[in-house]
Amino acid sequence: MDTDTLLHKMTQELRRGSLSLAVMLAFREEHYAYSLRKYLGEHGLAVDEGTLYPLVRRLEKDALLESEWRESSGRKRRFYQLSELGHALLPQLEAEWRSLADSVDRIRNAPKENHE
């Protein structure tokens, strides 16, 4: 496998784990799917529809989001926001993410040891 392909694969794995948290954080405010995609992009996290929409449906299926159909700008749109369960879990997920990021930073910044 060439370097570019491997980097792409590893980047996708890294993003996959962080994307659920980013989406839940975004849904602290109400969004419909396109406005969510735009919001994430404006904050430096470009996500294609084929990745984002199934994730949103999964989060709703897991009862972390709730939704309702409403008319907006002359069109019916499905608006999503965090459910009560989503609000309860979000601080714990953030803490786990921060703990993991801190651990990675400690490993990255640790002095190199000779393991012979």
C-alpha atoms as a PDB file:
ATOM      1  CA  MET A   1       0.000   0.000   0.000  1.00  0.00           C
ATOM      2  CA  ASP A   2       1.435   3.394  -0.925  1.00  0.00           C
ATOM      3  CA  THR A   3       1.908   6.229   1.555  1.00  0.00           C
ATOM      4  CA  ASP A   4      -0.962   8.373   0.238  1.00  0.00           C
ATOM      5  CA  THR A   5      -3.441   5.503   0.433  1.00  0.00           C
ATOM      6  CA  LEU A   6      -2.313   4.558   3.911  1.00  0.00           C
ATOM      7  CA  LEU A   7      -2.487   8.168   5.116  1.00  0.00           C
ATOM      8  CA  HIS A   8      -6.024   8.481   3.721  1.00  0.00           C
ATOM      9  CA  LYS A   9      -7.080   5.256   5.454  1.00  0.00           C
ATOM     10  CA  MET A  10      -5.601   6.300   8.809  1.00  0.00           C
ATOM     11  CA  THR A  11      -7.080   9.807   8.540  1.00  0.00           C
ATOM     12  CA  GLN A  12     -10.526   8.329   7.881  1.00  0.00           C
ATOM     13  CA  GLU A  13     -10.215   6.145  10.992  1.00  0.00           C
ATOM     14  CA  LEU A  14      -9.189   9.131  13.089  1.00  0.00           C
ATOM     15  CA  ARG A  15     -12.027  11.298  11.764  1.00  0.00           C
ATOM     16  CA  ARG A  16     -14.659   8.582  12.191  1.00  0.00           C
ATOM     17  CA  GLY A  17     -14.195   8.496  15.937  1.00  0.00           C
ATOM     18  CA  SER A  18     -14.235  12.272  16.328  1.00  0.00           C
ATOM     19  CA  LEU A  19     -17.114  12.984  13.960  1.00  0.00           C
ATOM     20  CA  SER A  20     -19.850  11.602  16.228  1.00  0.00           C
ATOM     21  CA  LEU A  21     -18.739  13.903  19.023  1.00  0.00           C
ATOM     22  CA  ALA A  22     -18.500  16.915  16.697  1.00  0.00           C
ATOM     23  CA  VAL A  23     -22.004  16.255  15.362  1.00  0.00           C
ATOM     24  CA  MET A  24     -23.439  15.910  18.844  1.00  0.00           C
ATOM     25  CA  LEU A  25     -21.754  19.153  19.888  1.00  0.00           C
ATOM     26  CA  ALA A  26     -23.251  20.883  16.841  1.00  0.00           C
ATOM     27  CA  PHE A  27     -26.712  19.573  17.722  1.00  0.00           C
ATOM     28  CA  ARG A  28     -26.720  21.507  20.973  1.00  0.00           C
ATOM     29  CA  GLU A  29     -28.419  23.913  18.564  1.00  0.00           C
ATOM     30  CA  GLU A  30     -31.160  22.845  16.192  1.00  0.00           C
ATOM     31  CA  HIS A  31     -30.152  22.040  12.600  1.00  0.00           C
ATOM     32  CA  TYR A  32     -31.551  20.328   9.553  1.00  0.00           C
ATOM     33  CA  ALA A  33     -29.131  18.096   7.652  1.00  0.00           C
ATOM     34  CA  TYR A  34     -27.845  20.672   5.157  1.00  0.00           C
ATOM     35  CA  SER A  35     -27.468  23.406   7.796  1.00  0.00           C
ATOM     36  CA  LEU A  36     -25.506  20.934   9.943  1.00  0.00           C
ATOM     37  CA  ARG A  37     -23.185  20.128   7.045  1.00  0.00           C
ATOM     38  CA  LYS A  38     -22.666  23.839   6.401  1.00  0.00           C
ATOM     39  CA  TYR A  39     -22.076  24.544  10.115  1.00  0.00           C
ATOM     40  CA  LEU A  40     -19.457  21.802  10.386  1.00  0.00           C
ATOM     41  CA  GLY A  41     -17.721  23.059   7.250  1.00  0.00           C
ATOM     42  CA  GLU A  42     -17.639  26.611   8.589  1.00  0.00           C
ATOM     43  CA  HIS A  43     -15.864  25.237  11.651  1.00  0.00           C
ATOM     44  CA  GLY A  44     -13.214  23.412   9.626  1.00  0.00           C
ATOM     45  CA  LEU A  45     -14.813  19.978   9.449  1.00  0.00           C
ATOM     46  CA  ALA A  46     -15.898  19.248   5.886  1.00  0.00           C
ATOM     47  CA  VAL A  47     -18.077  16.127   5.758  1.00  0.00           C
ATOM     48  CA  ASP A  48     -19.698  14.604   2.701  1.00  0.00           C
ATOM     49  CA  GLU A  49     -23.389  13.724   2.688  1.00  0.00           C
ATOM     50  CA  GLY A  50     -22.725  10.002   2.387  1.00  0.00           C
ATOM     51  CA  THR A  51     -20.952  10.075   5.735  1.00  0.00           C
ATOM     52  CA  LEU A  52     -22.996  12.670   7.596  1.00  0.00           C
ATOM     53  CA  TYR A  53     -26.577  11.639   6.882  1.00  0.00           C
ATOM     54  CA  PRO A  54     -26.182   7.988   7.951  1.00  0.00           C
ATOM     55  CA  LEU A  55     -24.446   9.193  11.125  1.00  0.00           C
ATOM     56  CA  VAL A  56     -27.342  11.533  11.942  1.00  0.00           C
ATOM     57  CA  ARG A  57     -29.839   8.697  11.389  1.00  0.00           C
ATOM     58  CA  ARG A  58     -27.781   6.388  13.633  1.00  0.00           C
ATOM     59  CA  LEU A  59     -27.609   8.975  16.419  1.00  0.00           C
ATOM     60  CA  GLU A  60     -31.377   9.401  16.207  1.00  0.00           C
ATOM     61  CA  LYS A  61     -31.905   5.616  16.227  1.00  0.00           C
ATOM     62  CA  ASP A  62     -29.714   5.462  19.353  1.00  0.00           C
ATOM     63  CA  ALA A  63     -32.029   8.064  20.970  1.00  0.00           C
ATOM     64  CA  LEU A  64     -29.274  10.704  21.176  1.00  0.00           C
ATOM     65  CA  LEU A  65     -31.154  13.025  18.798  1.00  0.00           C
ATOM     66  CA  GLU A  66     -34.772  13.899  18.319  1.00  0.00           C
ATOM     67  CA  SER A  67     -36.306  15.368  15.211  1.00  0.00           C
ATOM     68  CA  GLU A  68     -39.424  16.924  13.802  1.00  0.00           C
ATOM     69  CA  TRP A  69     -40.615  17.924  10.340  1.00  0.00           C
ATOM     70  CA  ARG A  70     -41.308  21.631   9.864  1.00  0.00           C
ATOM     71  CA  GLU A  71     -41.639  24.061   7.036  1.00  0.00           C
ATOM     72  CA  SER A  72     -38.691  26.384   6.523  1.00  0.00           C
ATOM     73  CA  SER A  73     -38.132  28.712   3.562  1.00  0.00           C
ATOM     74  CA  GLY A  74     -41.112  27.166   1.800  1.00  0.00           C
ATOM     75  CA  ARG A  75     -39.811  23.595   2.155  1.00  0.00           C
ATOM     76  CA  LYS A  76     -40.452  20.799   4.624  1.00  0.00           C
ATOM     77  CA  ARG A  77     -37.256  20.023   6.507  1.00  0.00           C
ATOM     78  CA  ARG A  78     -36.425  17.629   9.276  1.00  0.00           C
ATOM     79  CA  PHE A  79     -34.909  19.534  12.200  1.00  0.00           C
ATOM     80  CA  TYR A  80     -32.717  17.679  14.684  1.00  0.00           C
ATOM     81  CA  GLN A  81     -31.414  18.488  18.127  1.00  0.00           C
ATOM     82  CA  LEU A  82     -29.927  16.606  21.046  1.00  0.00           C
ATOM     83  CA  SER A  83     -32.407  14.560  23.031  1.00  0.00           C
ATOM     84  CA  GLU A  84     -32.449  14.518  26.809  1.00  0.00           C
ATOM     85  CA  LEU A  85     -30.241  11.415  26.673  1.00  0.00           C
ATOM     86  CA  GLY A  86     -27.889  13.161  24.226  1.00  0.00           C
ATOM     87  CA  HIS A  87     -27.560  16.137  26.578  1.00  0.00           C
ATOM     88  CA  ALA A  88     -26.865  13.773  29.490  1.00  0.00           C
ATOM     89  CA  LEU A  89     -24.190  11.803  27.604  1.00  0.00           C
ATOM     90  CA  LEU A  90     -22.438  14.708  25.895  1.00  0.00           C
ATOM     91  CA  PRO A  91     -20.358  15.923  28.882  1.00  0.00           C
ATOM     92  CA  GLN A  92     -19.181  12.354  29.519  1.00  0.00           C
ATOM     93  CA  LEU A  93     -18.220  11.888  25.850  1.00  0.00           C
ATOM     94  CA  GLU A  94     -16.376  15.219  25.880  1.00  0.00           C
ATOM     95  CA  ALA A  95     -14.469  14.141  28.994  1.00  0.00           C
ATOM     96  CA  GLU A  96     -13.519  10.830  27.347  1.00  0.00           C
ATOM     97  CA  TRP A  97     -12.371  12.641  24.203  1.00  0.00           C
ATOM     98  CA  ARG A  98     -10.292  15.132  26.226  1.00  0.00           C
ATOM     99  CA  SER A  99      -8.754  12.317  28.279  1.00  0.00           C
ATOM    100  CA  LEU A 100      -7.798  10.452  25.102  1.00  0.00           C
ATOM    101  CA  ALA A 101      -6.368  13.614  23.495  1.00  0.00           C
ATOM    102  CA  ASP A 102      -4.375  14.340  26.668  1.00  0.00           C
ATOM    103  CA  SER A 103      -3.003  10.785  26.706  1.00  0.00           C
ATOM    104  CA  VAL A 104      -1.970  11.031  23.051  1.00  0.00           C
ATOM    105  CA  ASP A 105      -0.249  14.359  23.786  1.00  0.00           C
ATOM    106  CA  ARG A 106       1.629  12.848  26.739  1.00  0.00           C
ATOM    107  CA  ILE A 107       2.789   9.945  24.578  1.00  0.00           C
ATOM    108  CA  ARG A 108       3.750  12.292  21.729  1.00  0.00           C
ATOM    109  CA  ASN A 109       5.740  14.559  24.065  1.00  0.00           C
ATOM    110  CA  ALA A 110       7.320  11.808  26.174  1.00  0.00           C
ATOM    111  CA  PRO A 111      11.108  11.589  25.987  1.00  0.00           C
ATOM    112  CA  LYS A 112      12.318   8.782  23.782  1.00  0.00           C
ATOM    113  CA  GLU A 113      13.534   5.833  25.776  1.00  0.00           C
ATOM    114  CA  ASN A 114      15.898   3.085  24.713  1.00  0.00           C
ATOM    115  CA  HIS A 115      13.938  -0.211  24.912  1.00  0.00           C
ATOM    116  CA  GLU A 116      16.738  -2.737  24.377  1.00  0.00           C
END
